[in-house]
Amino acid sequence: MWGLSHRELFRRLAAWAESKRAEHNRDMTLAWQMANLSNAKKLPALDRLLVKPASEHTQSFSEQRSMLTALSKRYGGRVRRMALNG
């Protein structure tokens, strides 16, 4: 795990989070169906029990820059300009 690049690490974390969401939704659906079959008097709507996937939001450069600045202030780091290739 320590030998992974940031991109690989975040991809693995995203895959793990998606598998946990799917596992939760599968379990909730099964529990809801079992309660429904046992003629429970009042059940919440199934869609209220399921976890919705997080919306994919790509940060703009200015959002990334402001987050980096806030983190550097918080942890005492220094923000440097990097030369772009090309």
Protein backbone atom coordinates (compact mmCIF):
# COMPACT_ATOMS: atom_id res chain seq x y z
CA MET A 1 0.00 0.00 0.00
CA TRP A 2 2.88 2.38 0.76
CA GLY A 3 4.31 1.91 -2.72
CA LEU A 4 1.20 3.29 -4.45
CA SER A 5 1.02 6.63 -6.17
CA HIS A 6 -1.57 9.14 -4.97
CA ARG A 7 -3.78 8.35 -7.94
CA GLU A 8 -3.65 4.59 -7.29
CA LEU A 9 -4.32 5.10 -3.59
CA PHE A 10 -7.35 7.30 -4.21
CA ARG A 11 -8.68 4.88 -6.82
CA ARG A 12 -8.43 2.04 -4.31
CA LEU A 13 -10.12 4.15 -1.64
CA ALA A 14 -12.93 5.09 -4.05
CA ALA A 15 -13.40 1.43 -5.00
CA TRP A 16 -13.48 0.46 -1.32
CA ALA A 17 -16.06 3.18 -0.52
CA GLU A 18 -18.23 2.09 -3.46
CA SER A 19 -18.10 -1.56 -2.34
CA LYS A 20 -19.12 -0.55 1.21
CA ARG A 21 -22.02 1.53 -0.17
CA ALA A 22 -23.18 -1.38 -2.31
CA GLU A 23 -22.84 -3.79 0.61
CA HIS A 24 -24.89 -1.49 2.85
CA ASN A 25 -27.60 -1.06 0.22
CA ARG A 26 -27.75 -4.82 -0.37
CA ASP A 27 -28.14 -5.48 3.36
CA MET A 28 -30.76 -2.75 3.77
CA THR A 29 -32.74 -4.04 0.80
CA LEU A 30 -32.71 -7.55 2.24
CA ALA A 31 -33.77 -6.33 5.70
CA TRP A 32 -36.53 -4.19 4.19
CA GLN A 33 -37.82 -7.11 2.12
CA MET A 34 -37.80 -9.44 5.14
CA ALA A 35 -39.72 -6.90 7.23
CA ASN A 36 -42.15 -6.43 4.35
CA LEU A 37 -42.71 -10.18 4.08
CA SER A 38 -43.40 -10.42 7.81
CA ASN A 39 -46.29 -7.95 7.40
CA ALA A 40 -44.79 -5.18 9.50
CA LYS A 41 -47.31 -2.45 10.23
CA LYS A 42 -45.18 0.51 9.18
CA LEU A 43 -42.02 0.49 7.10
CA PRO A 44 -39.95 3.43 5.96
CA ALA A 45 -39.61 3.79 2.21
CA LEU A 46 -36.69 1.71 0.95
CA ASP A 47 -35.04 4.61 -0.86
CA ARG A 48 -34.74 6.46 2.49
CA LEU A 49 -32.62 3.59 3.85
CA LEU A 50 -30.22 3.36 0.92
CA VAL A 51 -26.99 5.33 0.65
CA LYS A 52 -26.77 7.45 -2.47
CA PRO A 53 -23.46 7.68 -4.32
CA ALA A 54 -21.47 10.83 -3.68
CA SER A 55 -21.61 13.35 -6.47
CA GLU A 56 -18.39 13.63 -8.42
CA HIS A 57 -17.11 17.16 -8.14
CA THR A 58 -13.81 18.01 -9.77
CA GLN A 59 -12.13 20.90 -8.02
CA SER A 60 -11.15 23.88 -10.09
CA PHE A 61 -7.59 25.17 -9.94
CA SER A 62 -8.64 28.03 -7.66
CA GLU A 63 -10.42 25.60 -5.29
CA GLN A 64 -7.33 23.40 -5.19
CA ARG A 65 -5.11 26.41 -4.57
CA SER A 66 -7.28 27.74 -1.72
CA MET A 67 -7.39 24.27 -0.11
CA LEU A 68 -3.61 23.99 -0.39
CA THR A 69 -3.18 27.44 1.15
CA ALA A 70 -5.50 26.57 4.05
CA LEU A 71 -3.67 23.29 4.69
CA SER A 72 -0.28 24.99 4.56
CA LYS A 73 -1.43 27.57 7.12
CA ARG A 74 -2.86 24.85 9.34
CA TYR A 75 0.20 22.61 9.26
CA GLY A 76 2.93 25.19 8.77
CA GLY A 77 3.86 24.19 5.25
CA ARG A 78 4.99 26.38 2.42
CA VAL A 79 3.27 26.74 -0.94
CA ARG A 80 5.74 27.01 -3.82
CA ARG A 81 5.21 27.64 -7.47
CA MET A 82 6.20 24.77 -9.72
CA ALA A 83 7.61 25.24 -13.19
CA LEU A 84 5.42 23.67 -15.85
CA ASN A 85 7.09 21.49 -18.47
CA GLY A 86 6.70 22.67 -22.02
